[in-house]
Amino acid sequence: MKETANLESLVTSITDPIVANFTEIDPVKCPCGQARRGLAESGNPLCSVHVVEISKNARKHYHKNHIEIYYGLEGSGALEIDDTLQPLAPGKAILIPTGVRHKAVVQDDKPLNILNIVIPPFDPEDEHFD
């Protein structure tokens, strides 16, 4: 019950729409490639949304304080979760719990783009590498 009350207070703390125009957001380097990060800068306590261009040299990493949802937008590849490959393609979503080591894998040198939903909002201090 306590978790439900906390979630309800977070949801009701947002009183105005928050808009992110990803065409106006500069990409930044991330372990998976280049990310355009939106919706976190306005005091949104729930989530951030990133459009990510996966690079061939993605690094395996994990997060201690947030979960991620990868949703395939363009191209095909895989998500390496711990040591298992899970195919990733347009229309497929994968939820990655905290503590799970992961990286996106490009196949055949073709572009792979994903939508990444991060809950709670992304914190650069919560990227960890072995």
C-alpha atoms as a PDB file:
ATOM      1  CA  MET A   1       0.000   0.000   0.000  1.00  0.00           C
ATOM      2  CA  LYS A   2       2.809   2.435   0.835  1.00  0.00           C
ATOM      3  CA  GLU A   3       4.331   2.095  -2.688  1.00  0.00           C
ATOM      4  CA  THR A   4       0.935   2.858  -4.258  1.00  0.00           C
ATOM      5  CA  ALA A   5       0.565   6.002  -2.137  1.00  0.00           C
ATOM      6  CA  ASN A   6       4.075   7.133  -3.131  1.00  0.00           C
ATOM      7  CA  LEU A   7       3.330   6.570  -6.818  1.00  0.00           C
ATOM      8  CA  GLU A   8       0.047   8.439  -6.528  1.00  0.00           C
ATOM      9  CA  SER A   9       1.793  11.434  -4.932  1.00  0.00           C
ATOM     10  CA  LEU A  10       4.410  11.446  -7.719  1.00  0.00           C
ATOM     11  CA  VAL A  11       1.735  11.267 -10.408  1.00  0.00           C
ATOM     12  CA  THR A  12      -0.347  14.040  -8.874  1.00  0.00           C
ATOM     13  CA  SER A  13       2.738  16.255  -8.394  1.00  0.00           C
ATOM     14  CA  ILE A  14       2.764  16.928 -12.145  1.00  0.00           C
ATOM     15  CA  THR A  15       0.100  19.541 -12.859  1.00  0.00           C
ATOM     16  CA  ASP A  16       1.080  20.817 -16.315  1.00  0.00           C
ATOM     17  CA  PRO A  17       1.970  19.002 -19.527  1.00  0.00           C
ATOM     18  CA  ILE A  18       5.690  18.632 -20.194  1.00  0.00           C
ATOM     19  CA  VAL A  19       6.805  18.810 -23.815  1.00  0.00           C
ATOM     20  CA  ALA A  20      10.055  17.586 -25.337  1.00  0.00           C
ATOM     21  CA  ASN A  21      10.892  18.313 -28.968  1.00  0.00           C
ATOM     22  CA  PHE A  22      13.553  15.724 -29.721  1.00  0.00           C
ATOM     23  CA  THR A  23      14.510  17.462 -32.969  1.00  0.00           C
ATOM     24  CA  GLU A  24      15.765  20.356 -30.812  1.00  0.00           C
ATOM     25  CA  ILE A  25      17.636  18.261 -28.234  1.00  0.00           C
ATOM     26  CA  ASP A  26      21.363  17.820 -28.832  1.00  0.00           C
ATOM     27  CA  PRO A  27      22.588  14.218 -28.628  1.00  0.00           C
ATOM     28  CA  VAL A  28      25.009  13.222 -25.875  1.00  0.00           C
ATOM     29  CA  LYS A  29      27.277  10.189 -25.637  1.00  0.00           C
ATOM     30  CA  CYS A  30      25.933   7.259 -23.641  1.00  0.00           C
ATOM     31  CA  PRO A  31      27.105   3.650 -23.130  1.00  0.00           C
ATOM     32  CA  CYS A  32      24.910   2.545 -26.050  1.00  0.00           C
ATOM     33  CA  GLY A  33      25.790   5.321 -28.513  1.00  0.00           C
ATOM     34  CA  GLN A  34      24.129   8.756 -28.796  1.00  0.00           C
ATOM     35  CA  ALA A  35      21.024   9.764 -26.810  1.00  0.00           C
ATOM     36  CA  ARG A  36      18.641  12.682 -27.044  1.00  0.00           C
ATOM     37  CA  ARG A  37      17.219  12.942 -23.521  1.00  0.00           C
ATOM     38  CA  GLY A  38      13.909  14.617 -22.795  1.00  0.00           C
ATOM     39  CA  LEU A  39      11.202  15.180 -20.178  1.00  0.00           C
ATOM     40  CA  ALA A  40      13.503  15.164 -17.145  1.00  0.00           C
ATOM     41  CA  GLU A  41      14.550  18.796 -17.078  1.00  0.00           C
ATOM     42  CA  SER A  42      11.221  20.209 -15.880  1.00  0.00           C
ATOM     43  CA  GLY A  43      11.111  18.704 -12.399  1.00  0.00           C
ATOM     44  CA  ASN A  44       9.382  15.564 -13.655  1.00  0.00           C
ATOM     45  CA  PRO A  45       9.851  12.950 -10.898  1.00  0.00           C
ATOM     46  CA  LEU A  46       8.407  10.028 -12.900  1.00  0.00           C
ATOM     47  CA  CYS A  47      10.523   9.274 -15.944  1.00  0.00           C
ATOM     48  CA  SER A  48      12.708  10.540 -18.733  1.00  0.00           C
ATOM     49  CA  VAL A  49      12.452   9.532 -22.373  1.00  0.00           C
ATOM     50  CA  HIS A  50      15.449   9.146 -24.655  1.00  0.00           C
ATOM     51  CA  VAL A  51      15.780   8.542 -28.374  1.00  0.00           C
ATOM     52  CA  VAL A  52      18.960   6.512 -28.747  1.00  0.00           C
ATOM     53  CA  GLU A  53      21.054   5.746 -31.815  1.00  0.00           C
ATOM     54  CA  ILE A  54      22.855   2.532 -30.931  1.00  0.00           C
ATOM     55  CA  SER A  55      26.522   2.378 -31.902  1.00  0.00           C
ATOM     56  CA  LYS A  56      28.557  -0.646 -32.845  1.00  0.00           C
ATOM     57  CA  ASN A  57      30.720  -0.187 -29.726  1.00  0.00           C
ATOM     58  CA  ALA A  58      28.022  -0.147 -27.034  1.00  0.00           C
ATOM     59  CA  ARG A  59      29.290  -0.865 -23.485  1.00  0.00           C
ATOM     60  CA  LYS A  60      27.677  -3.257 -21.042  1.00  0.00           C
ATOM     61  CA  HIS A  61      26.457  -1.372 -17.970  1.00  0.00           C
ATOM     62  CA  TYR A  62      23.817  -1.432 -15.239  1.00  0.00           C
ATOM     63  CA  HIS A  63      21.840   0.907 -13.027  1.00  0.00           C
ATOM     64  CA  LYS A  64      21.301   0.643  -9.269  1.00  0.00           C
ATOM     65  CA  ASN A  65      18.466   3.143  -8.962  1.00  0.00           C
ATOM     66  CA  HIS A  66      16.308   2.953 -12.054  1.00  0.00           C
ATOM     67  CA  ILE A  67      14.736   0.615 -14.559  1.00  0.00           C
ATOM     68  CA  GLU A  68      14.748   1.058 -18.316  1.00  0.00           C
ATOM     69  CA  ILE A  69      12.383   0.093 -21.074  1.00  0.00           C
ATOM     70  CA  TYR A  70      13.928  -0.289 -24.529  1.00  0.00           C
ATOM     71  CA  TYR A  71      11.438   0.012 -27.385  1.00  0.00           C
ATOM     72  CA  GLY A  72      12.661  -0.719 -30.913  1.00  0.00           C
ATOM     73  CA  LEU A  73      12.046   2.102 -33.397  1.00  0.00           C
ATOM     74  CA  GLU A  74      14.212   1.326 -36.435  1.00  0.00           C
ATOM     75  CA  GLY A  75      16.561  -1.416 -37.553  1.00  0.00           C
ATOM     76  CA  SER A  76      17.222  -4.705 -35.874  1.00  0.00           C
ATOM     77  CA  GLY A  77      19.685  -5.988 -33.371  1.00  0.00           C
ATOM     78  CA  ALA A  78      19.604  -7.444 -29.910  1.00  0.00           C
ATOM     79  CA  LEU A  79      19.742  -6.516 -26.286  1.00  0.00           C
ATOM     80  CA  GLU A  80      22.398  -8.423 -24.380  1.00  0.00           C
ATOM     81  CA  ILE A  81      20.908  -8.960 -20.932  1.00  0.00           C
ATOM     82  CA  ASP A  82      23.511 -10.394 -18.592  1.00  0.00           C
ATOM     83  CA  ASP A  83      24.855 -13.028 -21.018  1.00  0.00           C
ATOM     84  CA  THR A  84      21.696 -13.732 -23.048  1.00  0.00           C
ATOM     85  CA  LEU A  85      20.791 -12.091 -26.358  1.00  0.00           C
ATOM     86  CA  GLN A  86      17.181 -10.954 -26.733  1.00  0.00           C
ATOM     87  CA  PRO A  87      16.233  -9.902 -30.299  1.00  0.00           C
ATOM     88  CA  LEU A  88      15.253  -6.229 -30.606  1.00  0.00           C
ATOM     89  CA  ALA A  89      13.287  -4.862 -33.560  1.00  0.00           C
ATOM     90  CA  PRO A  90      10.662  -2.187 -34.252  1.00  0.00           C
ATOM     91  CA  GLY A  91       7.606  -2.632 -32.070  1.00  0.00           C
ATOM     92  CA  LYS A  92       9.321  -4.807 -29.444  1.00  0.00           C
ATOM     93  CA  ALA A  93       9.760  -3.581 -25.851  1.00  0.00           C
ATOM     94  CA  ILE A  94      12.055  -4.990 -23.170  1.00  0.00           C
ATOM     95  CA  LEU A  95      11.968  -3.928 -19.497  1.00  0.00           C
ATOM     96  CA  ILE A  96      15.370  -4.030 -17.777  1.00  0.00           C
ATOM     97  CA  PRO A  97      15.219  -4.206 -13.958  1.00  0.00           C
ATOM     98  CA  THR A  98      17.736  -2.486 -11.699  1.00  0.00           C
ATOM     99  CA  GLY A  99      21.058  -4.285 -11.351  1.00  0.00           C
ATOM    100  CA  VAL A 100      20.771  -6.148 -14.659  1.00  0.00           C
ATOM    101  CA  ARG A 101      23.814  -5.770 -16.886  1.00  0.00           C
ATOM    102  CA  HIS A 102      22.876  -4.902 -20.450  1.00  0.00           C
ATOM    103  CA  LYS A 103      23.939  -3.416 -23.763  1.00  0.00           C
ATOM    104  CA  ALA A 104      22.354  -3.035 -27.162  1.00  0.00           C
ATOM    105  CA  VAL A 105      23.988  -4.934 -30.021  1.00  0.00           C
ATOM    106  CA  VAL A 106      23.925  -3.763 -33.641  1.00  0.00           C
ATOM    107  CA  GLN A 107      23.603  -6.513 -36.239  1.00  0.00           C
ATOM    108  CA  ASP A 108      24.984  -6.294 -39.783  1.00  0.00           C
ATOM    109  CA  ASP A 109      26.227  -2.703 -39.256  1.00  0.00           C
ATOM    110  CA  LYS A 110      22.687  -1.414 -39.900  1.00  0.00           C
ATOM    111  CA  PRO A 111      21.274   1.462 -37.828  1.00  0.00           C
ATOM    112  CA  LEU A 112      19.449   0.514 -34.636  1.00  0.00           C
ATOM    113  CA  ASN A 113      17.365   3.190 -32.943  1.00  0.00           C
ATOM    114  CA  ILE A 114      15.346   2.786 -29.774  1.00  0.00           C
ATOM    115  CA  LEU A 115      13.092   4.736 -27.479  1.00  0.00           C
ATOM    116  CA  ASN A 116      14.394   4.406 -23.920  1.00  0.00           C
ATOM    117  CA  ILE A 117      12.043   5.106 -21.018  1.00  0.00           C
ATOM    118  CA  VAL A 118      13.915   5.558 -17.737  1.00  0.00           C
ATOM    119  CA  ILE A 119      12.087   5.304 -14.388  1.00  0.00           C
ATOM    120  CA  PRO A 120      12.746   7.405 -12.307  1.00  0.00           C
ATOM    121  CA  PRO A 121      14.332  10.040 -14.584  1.00  0.00           C
ATOM    122  CA  PHE A 122      17.852   9.382 -15.813  1.00  0.00           C
ATOM    123  CA  ASP A 123      20.717  10.247 -13.479  1.00  0.00           C
ATOM    124  CA  PRO A 124      24.200  10.146 -15.055  1.00  0.00           C
ATOM    125  CA  GLU A 125      25.632   9.076 -11.688  1.00  0.00           C
ATOM    126  CA  ASP A 126      23.659   5.830 -11.997  1.00  0.00           C
ATOM    127  CA  GLU A 127      25.629   4.334 -14.888  1.00  0.00           C
ATOM    128  CA  HIS A 128      27.878   1.568 -13.590  1.00  0.00           C
ATOM    129  CA  PHE A 129      30.446  -0.612 -15.336  1.00  0.00           C
ATOM    130  CA  ASP A 130      32.229  -3.759 -14.193  1.00  0.00           C
END
